[in-house]
Amino acid sequence: MSNLETRCRLLEKCIEEFEAEKLSIHALINRLQRILDNIDNQKVWVDAFRSEWWTLEQVYAVARDRGETSLSWESRTLVHEAIHNMKRLLKQANSFEE
């Protein structure tokens, strides 16, 4: 199993845990960042994934600054869209390995 394949499986697992509400958005952001920092190839792909990660980071930062204990409808929509795009990128990465 390649470095990218291993890291993609970890990214998928984090997303699954977040969607199952076993992981907070803050924990998801931190875990995704650590995993992305350890992918040493596919810079263009990592940059695209990190762009979606940045959306999560921004949503979380705004919610925190506002003192919100849960995400607004608008924030949840942005998070859902970013997660959807991350999943699309993960499928794309799987094609790199074939």
Protein backbone atom coordinates (compact mmCIF):
# COMPACT_ATOMS: atom_id res chain seq x y z
CA MET A 1 0.00 0.00 0.00
CA SER A 2 1.42 3.38 -1.02
CA ASN A 3 1.81 6.43 1.21
CA LEU A 4 -1.04 8.19 -0.60
CA GLU A 5 -3.35 5.19 -0.37
CA THR A 6 -2.69 4.80 3.36
CA ARG A 7 -3.25 8.50 4.00
CA CYS A 8 -6.43 8.53 1.93
CA ARG A 9 -7.84 5.67 3.98
CA LEU A 10 -7.09 7.67 7.13
CA LEU A 11 -8.75 10.76 5.65
CA GLU A 12 -11.82 8.70 4.74
CA LYS A 13 -11.98 7.24 8.24
CA CYS A 14 -11.89 10.70 9.81
CA ILE A 15 -14.68 11.92 7.55
CA GLU A 16 -16.76 8.83 8.34
CA GLU A 17 -16.29 9.40 12.08
CA PHE A 18 -17.29 13.05 11.72
CA GLU A 19 -20.40 12.13 9.73
CA ALA A 20 -21.30 9.53 12.37
CA GLU A 21 -20.95 12.33 14.96
CA LYS A 22 -18.10 10.48 16.68
CA LEU A 23 -15.71 13.34 15.92
CA SER A 24 -16.17 17.07 16.44
CA ILE A 25 -15.41 19.52 13.65
CA HIS A 26 -12.43 20.77 15.65
CA ALA A 27 -11.01 17.24 15.97
CA LEU A 28 -11.71 16.59 12.28
CA ILE A 29 -9.82 19.72 11.25
CA ASN A 30 -6.80 18.78 13.37
CA ARG A 31 -6.69 15.16 12.21
CA LEU A 32 -7.07 16.05 8.55
CA GLN A 33 -4.26 18.59 8.86
CA ARG A 34 -1.88 16.06 10.45
CA ILE A 35 -2.62 13.51 7.75
CA LEU A 36 -2.22 16.01 4.91
CA ASP A 37 1.10 17.15 6.36
CA ASN A 38 2.37 13.58 5.90
CA ILE A 39 1.54 13.21 2.21
CA ASP A 40 4.79 13.83 0.43
CA ASN A 41 3.64 13.52 -3.16
CA GLN A 42 0.65 14.64 -5.24
CA LYS A 43 1.08 18.32 -4.32
CA VAL A 44 -1.71 19.49 -6.62
CA TRP A 45 -4.13 16.99 -5.08
CA VAL A 46 -3.07 17.88 -1.52
CA ASP A 47 -3.52 21.58 -2.29
CA ALA A 48 -7.05 20.92 -3.61
CA PHE A 49 -7.91 18.87 -0.52
CA ARG A 50 -6.38 21.49 1.75
CA SER A 51 -8.59 24.11 0.09
CA GLU A 52 -11.65 22.16 1.25
CA TRP A 53 -10.03 21.69 4.67
CA TRP A 54 -9.60 25.48 4.83
CA THR A 55 -13.37 25.88 4.46
CA LEU A 56 -13.84 23.74 7.58
CA GLU A 57 -11.22 25.78 9.42
CA GLN A 58 -12.91 29.06 8.50
CA VAL A 59 -16.39 27.86 9.46
CA TYR A 60 -15.11 26.64 12.81
CA ALA A 61 -13.18 29.85 13.48
CA VAL A 62 -16.20 32.04 12.73
CA ALA A 63 -18.49 29.92 14.92
CA ARG A 64 -15.98 30.09 17.74
CA ASP A 65 -15.54 33.84 17.40
CA ARG A 66 -19.30 34.26 17.61
CA GLY A 67 -19.48 32.06 20.68
CA GLU A 68 -21.77 29.57 18.93
CA THR A 69 -22.11 26.17 20.54
CA SER A 70 -23.48 24.62 17.34
CA LEU A 71 -23.11 25.45 13.68
CA SER A 72 -25.69 27.59 11.95
CA TRP A 73 -27.63 26.27 8.96
CA GLU A 74 -25.36 28.26 6.64
CA SER A 75 -22.23 26.88 8.32
CA ARG A 76 -23.54 23.31 8.18
CA THR A 77 -24.22 23.79 4.47
CA LEU A 78 -20.64 24.95 3.89
CA VAL A 79 -19.29 22.00 5.89
CA HIS A 80 -21.48 19.55 3.96
CA GLU A 81 -20.26 20.97 0.65
CA ALA A 82 -16.60 20.79 1.73
CA ILE A 83 -17.02 17.18 2.91
CA HIS A 84 -18.70 16.29 -0.39
CA ASN A 85 -15.78 17.81 -2.29
CA MET A 86 -13.28 15.97 -0.07
CA LYS A 87 -14.98 12.67 -0.86
CA ARG A 88 -14.78 13.48 -4.57
CA LEU A 89 -11.07 14.21 -4.21
CA LEU A 90 -10.56 10.95 -2.32
CA LYS A 91 -12.17 9.03 -5.20
CA GLN A 92 -9.86 10.88 -7.57
CA ALA A 93 -6.83 9.91 -5.47
CA ASN A 94 -7.88 6.28 -5.61
CA SER A 95 -7.62 6.47 -9.39
CA PHE A 96 -3.97 7.57 -9.06
CA GLU A 97 -3.22 4.19 -7.51
CA GLU A 98 -4.83 2.07 -10.22
